[in-house]
Every structure is written in structure tokens, then in C-alpha cells.
N, C-alpha and C. Protein backbone atom coordinates (compact mmCIF):
# COMPACT_ATOMS: atom_id res chain seq x y z
N UNK A 1 0.90 -1.19 0.14
CA UNK A 1 0.13 0.03 -0.06
C UNK A 1 0.87 1.27 0.05
N UNK A 2 0.52 2.22 -0.68
CA UNK A 2 1.34 3.44 -0.76
C UNK A 2 0.40 4.39 -0.50
N UNK A 3 0.92 5.80 -0.31
CA UNK A 3 0.06 6.88 0.22
C UNK A 3 0.12 7.29 1.51
N UNK A 4 -0.19 8.64 1.84
CA UNK A 4 0.04 9.32 3.30
C UNK A 4 -1.04 9.10 3.97
N UNK A 5 -2.17 8.27 3.70
CA UNK A 5 -3.38 8.24 4.41
C UNK A 5 -3.19 7.17 5.51
N UNK A 6 -3.99 7.41 6.54
CA UNK A 6 -3.98 6.35 7.70
C UNK A 6 -4.90 5.12 7.11
N UNK A 7 -4.45 3.98 7.41
CA UNK A 7 -5.23 2.71 7.01
C UNK A 7 -6.69 2.66 7.71
N UNK A 8 -7.78 2.37 7.05
CA UNK A 8 -8.83 2.11 7.59
C UNK A 8 -8.76 0.95 8.67
N UNK A 9 -9.26 0.82 9.83
CA UNK A 9 -9.02 -0.28 10.84
C UNK A 9 -9.70 -1.58 9.94
N UNK A 10 -8.86 -2.67 9.93
CA UNK A 10 -9.27 -3.94 9.34
C UNK A 10 -9.21 -3.98 7.93
N UNK A 11 -8.84 -2.68 7.25
CA UNK A 11 -8.99 -2.68 5.76
C UNK A 11 -7.57 -2.31 5.12
N UNK A 12 -7.31 -2.74 3.87
CA UNK A 12 -5.90 -2.49 3.39
C UNK A 12 -5.88 -1.13 2.42
N UNK A 13 -7.48 -0.92 2.28
CA UNK A 13 -7.72 0.31 1.44
C UNK A 13 -7.71 1.67 2.20
N UNK A 14 -7.38 2.72 1.45
CA UNK A 14 -7.21 3.91 1.98
C UNK A 14 -8.74 4.48 2.10
N UNK A 15 -8.97 5.39 2.96
CA UNK A 15 -10.44 6.06 3.06
C UNK A 15 -10.75 6.91 1.77
N UNK A 16 -12.22 6.86 1.61
CA UNK A 16 -12.37 7.81 0.21
C UNK A 16 -11.93 8.97 0.32
N UNK A 17 -11.91 9.83 1.52
CA UNK A 17 -11.49 11.17 1.31
C UNK A 17 -10.11 11.18 1.04
N UNK A 18 -9.10 10.37 1.39
CA UNK A 18 -7.85 10.49 0.82
C UNK A 18 -7.46 10.13 -0.51
N UNK A 19 -8.23 9.11 -1.00
CA UNK A 19 -8.28 8.83 -2.46
C UNK A 19 -8.75 9.98 -3.28
N UNK A 20 -9.78 10.58 -2.87
CA UNK A 20 -10.27 11.93 -3.70
C UNK A 20 -9.29 13.00 -3.55
N UNK A 21 -8.88 13.06 -2.41
CA UNK A 21 -7.80 14.16 -2.27
C UNK A 21 -6.72 14.08 -3.12
N UNK A 22 -6.15 12.76 -3.27
CA UNK A 22 -5.07 12.43 -4.00
C UNK A 22 -5.18 12.74 -5.65
N UNK A 23 -6.64 12.30 -5.81
CA UNK A 23 -6.98 12.33 -7.34
C UNK A 23 -6.86 13.81 -7.66
N UNK A 24 -7.47 14.79 -6.71
CA UNK A 24 -7.50 15.96 -7.25
C UNK A 24 -6.22 16.70 -7.22
N UNK A 25 -5.30 16.36 -6.26
CA UNK A 25 -3.84 16.81 -6.61
C UNK A 25 -3.21 16.53 -7.84
N UNK A 26 -3.55 15.36 -8.24
CA UNK A 26 -2.97 14.83 -9.67
C UNK A 26 -3.72 15.63 -10.62
N UNK A 27 -4.82 15.99 -10.57
CA UNK A 27 -5.60 16.90 -11.65
C UNK A 27 -5.05 18.22 -11.58
N UNK A 28 -4.80 18.69 -10.36
CA UNK A 28 -4.29 20.13 -10.09
C UNK A 28 -2.96 20.13 -10.76
N UNK A 29 -2.13 19.26 -10.49
CA UNK A 29 -0.76 19.24 -11.00
C UNK A 29 -0.72 19.37 -12.49
N UNK A 30 -1.49 18.76 -13.23
CA UNK A 30 -1.52 18.54 -14.71
C UNK A 30 -2.41 19.52 -15.50
N UNK A 31 -3.16 20.72 -14.74
CA UNK A 31 -3.88 21.48 -15.06
C UNK A 31 -3.08 22.69 -15.58
N UNK A 32 -3.28 23.34 -16.50
CA UNK A 32 -2.56 24.70 -16.83
C UNK A 32 -2.98 25.92 -15.83
N UNK A 33 -2.19 26.88 -15.45
CA UNK A 33 -2.52 28.11 -14.70
C UNK A 33 -3.82 28.94 -15.36
N UNK A 34 -4.60 29.21 -14.50
CA UNK A 34 -5.79 29.89 -15.12
C UNK A 34 -5.19 31.27 -15.81
N UNK A 35 -4.21 31.94 -15.44
CA UNK A 35 -3.80 33.18 -16.30
C UNK A 35 -3.01 32.72 -17.53
N UNK A 36 -2.54 31.54 -17.54
CA UNK A 36 -2.29 31.06 -18.99
C UNK A 36 -3.31 30.78 -19.65
N UNK A 37 -4.40 30.14 -19.38
CA UNK A 37 -5.52 29.98 -20.20
C UNK A 37 -6.23 31.04 -20.66
N UNK A 38 -6.35 32.03 -19.79
CA UNK A 38 -6.98 33.55 -20.08
C UNK A 38 -6.28 33.99 -21.14
N UNK A 39 -5.01 33.98 -20.94
CA UNK A 39 -4.11 34.70 -22.09
C UNK A 39 -4.09 34.12 -23.39
N UNK A 40 -4.22 32.77 -23.37
CA UNK A 40 -4.28 32.09 -24.81
C UNK A 40 -5.77 32.35 -25.18
N UNK A 41 -6.81 32.68 -24.47
CA UNK A 41 -8.10 32.72 -25.08
C UNK A 41 -8.14 34.27 -25.57
N UNK A 42 -7.37 35.06 -24.90
CA UNK A 42 -7.36 36.48 -25.37
C UNK A 42 -6.39 36.62 -26.69
N UNK A 43 -5.61 35.74 -26.75
CA UNK A 43 -4.66 35.69 -28.06
C UNK A 43 -5.41 35.22 -29.18
N UNK A 44 -6.33 34.17 -28.96
CA UNK A 44 -7.19 33.57 -29.83
C UNK A 44 -8.33 34.46 -30.20
N UNK A 45 -8.52 35.57 -29.53
CA UNK A 45 -9.74 36.33 -29.93
C UNK A 45 -10.86 36.01 -29.38
N UNK A 46 -11.03 35.16 -28.40
CA UNK A 46 -12.25 34.79 -27.64
C UNK A 46 -12.67 36.15 -26.91
N UNK A 47 -13.86 36.42 -27.04
CA UNK A 47 -14.44 37.59 -26.20
C UNK A 47 -14.83 37.37 -24.67
N UNK A 48 -15.00 36.10 -24.29
CA UNK A 48 -15.25 35.67 -23.00
C UNK A 48 -14.92 34.19 -22.77
N UNK A 49 -14.89 33.91 -21.48
CA UNK A 49 -14.76 32.54 -21.20
C UNK A 49 -15.81 32.24 -20.13
N UNK A 50 -16.11 30.86 -20.16
CA UNK A 50 -17.14 30.42 -19.13
C UNK A 50 -16.40 29.45 -18.15
N UNK A 51 -16.24 29.85 -16.76
CA UNK A 51 -15.56 29.14 -15.87
C UNK A 51 -16.64 28.67 -14.93
N UNK A 52 -16.99 27.27 -14.52
CA UNK A 52 -17.84 27.13 -13.65
C UNK A 52 -19.18 27.82 -13.72
N UNK A 53 -19.65 28.03 -14.76
CA UNK A 53 -20.76 28.76 -15.04
C UNK A 53 -20.87 30.42 -14.97
N UNK A 54 -19.41 30.94 -14.86
CA UNK A 54 -19.46 32.20 -14.70
C UNK A 54 -18.62 32.84 -15.78
N UNK A 55 -19.30 33.85 -16.51
CA UNK A 55 -18.81 34.55 -17.60
C UNK A 55 -17.70 35.42 -17.25
N UNK A 56 -16.41 35.39 -17.83
CA UNK A 56 -15.35 36.37 -17.56
C UNK A 56 -14.83 36.92 -18.69
N UNK A 57 -14.89 38.20 -18.54
CA UNK A 57 -14.51 39.02 -19.66
C UNK A 57 -13.06 39.03 -19.90
N UNK A 58 -12.39 38.74 -21.27
CA UNK A 58 -11.08 38.51 -21.60
C UNK A 58 -10.54 39.98 -21.91
N UNK A 59 -11.34 40.86 -22.43
CA UNK A 59 -10.71 42.22 -22.56
C UNK A 59 -10.64 42.47 -24.04
N UNK A 60 -11.11 41.60 -24.81
CA UNK A 60 -11.08 41.80 -26.59
C UNK A 60 -12.69 41.47 -26.83
N UNK A 61 -13.26 42.31 -27.50
CA UNK A 61 -14.67 41.81 -28.01
C UNK A 61 -14.57 42.13 -29.41
N UNK A 62 -15.17 41.19 -30.09
CA UNK A 62 -15.25 41.21 -31.66
C UNK A 62 -16.76 40.79 -32.05
N UNK A 63 -17.29 41.45 -33.13
CA UNK A 63 -18.50 41.43 -33.59
C UNK A 63 -18.43 39.93 -34.33
N UNK A 64 -19.61 39.37 -33.96
CA UNK A 64 -19.80 38.00 -34.56
C UNK A 64 -21.10 38.07 -35.41
N UNK A 65 -21.11 37.57 -36.53
CA UNK A 65 -22.48 37.52 -37.28
C UNK A 65 -23.69 36.70 -36.49
N UNK A 66 -24.68 37.38 -36.64
CA UNK A 66 -25.93 36.63 -35.93
C UNK A 66 -26.34 35.36 -36.77
N UNK A 67 -26.62 34.25 -36.26
CA UNK A 67 -26.99 33.14 -36.89
C UNK A 67 -28.60 33.31 -37.31
N UNK A 68 -29.11 32.75 -38.31
CA UNK A 68 -30.24 33.06 -38.59
C UNK A 68 -31.29 32.23 -38.24
N UNK A 69 -31.05 30.99 -37.38
CA UNK A 69 -31.74 30.23 -36.76
C UNK A 69 -32.15 30.38 -35.22
N UNK A 70 -31.60 31.46 -34.71
CA UNK A 70 -31.86 31.69 -33.29
C UNK A 70 -32.96 32.75 -33.10
């Protein structure tokens, strides 16, 4: 068994919270920094980004043609 978690009495498996915490740490280590992502979006001309359901203005707004089916 590997990991920093305490063993559950009578079990060789780690507690679910330790497993979840470890998984989130791996995801966080592999994820780009938010400033890098926003900079890339700005360079690509995206007018906004949706993060967890929140609109974030990126500083560049371009006109987009209105779709006829809306």
C-alpha cells in the first residue's frame, strides 16, 4: 500500500477522502494555470470564457455574425 493516508481499521484500502484528495492533487498538477488559459483565449480572440458557469470578460470583444436560426 502506498500513500500518506491512515489505513482504515481492518482494511488495506485508504479512506475515500484520501483517495479523492490524491486524485484532485494529480488533476491540479496537470492543469494549466488560469492566467495562462485566459492569456491564450485573449490571443485567440475569444471575447469571454465560461468558468464554472461564470462569464469572465477577456478584454477583447469582436463582432460575430448573428445566426439566422436563433
